[in-house]
C-alpha cells in the first residue's frame, strides 16, 4: 500500500438515494481520482482510502450539499 494514502471515515448527512451516494463518490474522486471509496448510504458514512485529507474531503462534500465530518477510527 502506498504510504502517502490514508484510511478515513466520514459521517455524511443528506444522502437519501443512490444518486446522492454516487454524487458523494464523484466529489471525492475529483480530489483524488485514485481514491478507494465505499459509501454506506443507509448508515450515512463513507470509508475512503486517499491521498487527500479528511478535512479537504469534508469541505468538498459540504460544498456539494452534504453535511460531512470526519470520524475517529
Protein backbone atom coordinates (compact mmCIF):
# COMPACT_ATOMS: atom_id res chain seq x y z
CA UNK A 1 0.00 0.00 0.00
CA UNK A 2 1.21 3.49 -0.82
CA UNK A 3 2.45 5.21 2.35
CA UNK A 4 1.03 8.52 1.13
CA UNK A 5 -2.53 7.21 1.30
CA UNK A 6 -4.58 7.01 4.48
CA UNK A 7 -7.82 5.36 5.53
CA UNK A 8 -10.55 7.81 6.53
CA UNK A 9 -14.13 7.52 7.74
CA UNK A 10 -16.59 10.36 7.30
CA UNK A 11 -20.13 10.91 8.54
CA UNK A 12 -22.21 12.30 5.65
CA UNK A 13 -25.74 13.61 6.15
CA UNK A 14 -28.26 14.09 3.39
CA UNK A 15 -27.62 11.00 1.27
CA UNK A 16 -31.17 9.89 0.54
CA UNK A 17 -30.79 7.87 -2.65
CA UNK A 18 -28.32 6.01 -4.84
CA UNK A 19 -27.84 9.20 -6.87
CA UNK A 20 -26.70 11.00 -3.72
CA UNK A 21 -24.26 8.19 -2.95
CA UNK A 22 -22.88 8.42 -6.50
CA UNK A 23 -22.52 12.21 -6.17
CA UNK A 24 -20.55 11.78 -2.94
CA UNK A 25 -18.20 9.29 -4.59
CA UNK A 26 -17.76 11.58 -7.58
CA UNK A 27 -16.93 14.59 -5.37
CA UNK A 28 -14.25 12.58 -3.57
CA UNK A 29 -12.76 11.26 -6.81
CA UNK A 30 -12.47 14.82 -8.14
CA UNK A 31 -9.98 15.43 -5.32
CA UNK A 32 -8.20 12.09 -5.73
CA UNK A 33 -9.04 10.08 -8.87
CA UNK A 34 -7.29 7.03 -7.38
CA UNK A 35 -9.27 7.08 -4.12
CA UNK A 36 -10.98 3.90 -2.97
CA UNK A 37 -14.47 4.97 -1.87
CA UNK A 38 -17.10 2.86 -0.11
CA UNK A 39 -20.38 4.69 0.50
CA UNK A 40 -22.81 3.29 3.08
CA UNK A 41 -25.90 5.38 2.37
CA UNK A 42 -28.06 3.54 4.91
CA UNK A 43 -25.70 4.38 7.78
CA UNK A 44 -24.63 7.80 6.46
CA UNK A 45 -20.93 7.11 6.31
CA UNK A 46 -18.15 6.89 3.75
CA UNK A 47 -14.89 4.95 4.03
CA UNK A 48 -12.10 6.35 1.88
CA UNK A 49 -8.50 5.39 1.17
CA UNK A 50 -6.96 8.51 -0.31
CA UNK A 51 -4.12 10.98 -0.51
CA UNK A 52 -6.50 13.86 0.36
CA UNK A 53 -7.00 14.96 3.96
CA UNK A 54 -10.24 14.28 5.80
CA UNK A 55 -10.87 18.00 6.23
CA UNK A 56 -10.42 18.59 2.49
CA UNK A 57 -12.87 15.82 1.65
CA UNK A 58 -15.39 17.02 4.24
CA UNK A 59 -15.21 20.54 2.78
CA UNK A 60 -15.72 19.26 -0.78
CA UNK A 61 -18.75 17.23 0.31
CA UNK A 62 -20.18 20.19 2.21
CA UNK A 63 -19.80 22.34 -0.90
CA UNK A 64 -21.59 19.59 -2.86
CA UNK A 65 -24.56 19.91 -0.48
CA UNK A 66 -23.87 17.18 2.08
CA UNK A 67 -23.02 17.91 5.72
CA UNK A 68 -19.80 15.96 6.22
CA UNK A 69 -17.45 15.50 9.15
CA UNK A 70 -14.51 13.20 9.75
CA UNK A 71 -14.96 10.40 12.27
CA UNK A 72 -12.34 8.97 14.61
CA UNK A 73 -11.43 5.35 13.94
